[in-house]
Amino acid sequence: MNDIHKVSYFMPVSTELLAEHTAMSQLLDAAFTRRPDPEAAARQKAERAARLQEHLARHRAVLATLDGKLAAVLDLHKPHDHGGWDATCDGCDFAGYEAEEPEWPCRTWLLVAEQGPERSLSGP
């Protein structure tokens, strides 16, 4: 037969330890039973999407003033939403498995945007 025998032990415990254990159990129960707020998640997603659209509009506005190689470099470094809070740069390389993606606007994007339409990569 597969009888399961439960062995119980009794141990004297102070009321302070019992109260601490009870409080900790209640905190853990509350933490594990908390449900994510779907409305808050939807709000955050909408805010992130709106921010990305602002970044893309800024990118398109600067890109429209450039041509040739500067436009190609700038377009490589466009903003992208990878699901994080801030937009990241699509063109910047980052090293290592645990490296964070570069934030947008990156230094390359800012440098090219500063050059404006009067400059090109071939010279002044």
Protein backbone atom coordinates (compact mmCIF):
# COMPACT_ATOMS: atom_id res chain seq x y z
CA MET A 1 0.00 0.00 0.00
CA ASN A 2 1.05 3.56 -0.60
CA ASP A 3 0.25 5.02 2.74
CA ILE A 4 1.57 8.48 3.36
CA HIS A 5 2.49 9.20 6.90
CA LYS A 6 2.79 12.78 7.95
CA VAL A 7 5.21 13.45 10.73
CA SER A 8 4.49 16.53 12.77
CA TYR A 9 6.85 18.28 15.08
CA PHE A 10 5.98 20.75 17.76
CA MET A 11 8.39 23.47 18.60
CA PRO A 12 7.98 26.31 21.06
CA VAL A 13 7.99 29.67 19.28
CA SER A 14 7.96 33.15 20.76
CA THR A 15 5.01 35.42 19.99
CA GLU A 16 7.40 37.90 18.30
CA LEU A 17 8.68 35.25 15.91
CA LEU A 18 5.14 34.07 15.21
CA ALA A 19 4.00 37.65 14.50
CA GLU A 20 6.99 38.22 12.20
CA HIS A 21 6.30 35.00 10.33
CA THR A 22 2.61 35.88 10.00
CA ALA A 23 3.40 39.37 8.69
CA MET A 24 5.91 38.01 6.19
CA SER A 25 3.43 35.39 5.00
CA GLN A 26 0.81 38.08 4.44
CA LEU A 27 3.28 40.21 2.46
CA LEU A 28 4.27 37.28 0.29
CA ASP A 29 0.65 36.31 -0.28
CA ALA A 30 -0.16 39.86 -1.35
CA ALA A 31 2.86 40.01 -3.67
CA PHE A 32 2.06 36.74 -5.39
CA THR A 33 -1.66 37.34 -5.73
CA ARG A 34 -1.33 40.88 -7.14
CA ARG A 35 -2.56 41.04 -10.70
CA PRO A 36 -1.08 43.44 -13.24
CA ASP A 37 -3.35 46.32 -14.11
CA PRO A 38 -4.30 45.90 -17.79
CA GLU A 39 -5.33 49.55 -18.07
CA ALA A 40 -1.94 50.74 -16.78
CA ALA A 41 -0.16 48.43 -19.21
CA ALA A 42 -2.28 49.73 -22.10
CA ARG A 43 -1.55 53.34 -21.03
CA GLN A 44 2.18 52.67 -20.93
CA LYS A 45 2.07 51.02 -24.34
CA ALA A 46 0.17 54.00 -25.79
CA GLU A 47 2.64 56.46 -24.25
CA ARG A 48 5.57 54.50 -25.65
CA ALA A 49 3.96 54.40 -29.10
CA ALA A 50 3.30 58.16 -29.00
CA ARG A 51 6.91 58.84 -27.99
CA LEU A 52 8.18 56.64 -30.82
CA GLN A 53 5.99 58.52 -33.31
CA GLU A 54 7.47 61.81 -32.05
CA HIS A 55 10.98 60.39 -32.51
CA LEU A 56 10.14 59.15 -36.00
CA ALA A 57 8.66 62.53 -36.97
CA ARG A 58 11.84 64.26 -35.77
CA HIS A 59 13.93 61.71 -37.69
CA ARG A 60 11.92 62.23 -40.91
CA ALA A 61 12.12 66.03 -40.59
CA VAL A 62 15.91 66.02 -40.32
CA LEU A 63 16.24 63.30 -42.98
CA ALA A 64 14.24 65.43 -45.43
CA THR A 65 16.91 68.15 -45.22
CA LEU A 66 19.76 65.78 -46.15
CA ASP A 67 20.77 63.89 -49.24
CA GLY A 68 23.45 61.46 -50.28
CA LYS A 69 25.71 59.78 -47.79
CA LEU A 70 24.61 61.80 -44.77
CA ALA A 71 21.00 60.81 -45.41
CA ALA A 72 22.04 57.16 -45.66
CA VAL A 73 23.97 57.33 -42.39
CA LEU A 74 21.13 59.13 -40.64
CA ASP A 75 18.56 56.66 -41.93
CA LEU A 76 20.67 53.77 -40.62
CA HIS A 77 20.48 55.32 -37.13
CA LYS A 78 16.70 55.68 -37.00
CA PRO A 79 14.77 55.13 -33.75
CA HIS A 80 13.24 51.75 -33.04
CA ASP A 81 10.93 50.45 -30.32
CA HIS A 82 12.13 47.12 -29.01
CA GLY A 83 9.52 47.03 -26.28
CA GLY A 84 11.48 49.00 -23.73
CA TRP A 85 10.57 52.34 -22.25
CA ASP A 86 12.79 54.42 -24.55
CA ALA A 87 13.51 54.19 -28.25
CA THR A 88 16.81 52.62 -29.24
CA CYS A 89 19.12 53.21 -32.19
CA ASP A 90 18.91 50.65 -34.97
CA GLY A 91 22.31 51.50 -36.46
CA CYS A 92 24.62 51.44 -33.45
CA ASP A 93 26.42 48.24 -32.65
CA PHE A 94 26.67 47.10 -29.08
CA ALA A 95 29.02 44.47 -27.74
CA GLY A 96 28.22 41.48 -25.64
CA TYR A 97 25.18 39.47 -24.76
CA GLU A 98 24.37 41.56 -21.70
CA ALA A 99 25.04 44.95 -23.29
CA GLU A 100 22.16 47.39 -23.41
CA GLU A 101 20.94 48.70 -26.73
CA PRO A 102 22.04 52.29 -27.40
CA GLU A 103 19.44 54.95 -26.68
CA TRP A 104 18.08 57.16 -29.42
CA PRO A 105 19.13 59.75 -30.43
CA CYS A 106 22.64 58.33 -30.49
CA ARG A 107 25.81 60.37 -30.90
CA THR A 108 26.01 59.54 -34.60
CA TRP A 109 22.45 60.75 -35.22
CA LEU A 110 23.09 63.98 -33.31
CA LEU A 111 26.34 64.63 -35.20
CA VAL A 112 24.73 64.10 -38.61
CA ALA A 113 21.70 66.18 -37.63
CA GLU A 114 24.03 69.04 -36.60
CA GLN A 115 25.76 68.99 -39.99
CA GLY A 116 22.57 70.00 -41.76
CA PRO A 117 21.99 70.17 -45.51
CA GLU A 118 25.00 72.40 -46.23
CA ARG A 119 27.56 69.69 -45.43
CA SER A 120 28.25 66.24 -46.83
CA LEU A 121 30.55 63.39 -45.91
CA SER A 122 32.80 64.17 -48.89
CA GLY A 123 33.94 67.50 -47.48
CA PRO A 124 32.93 70.96 -46.22
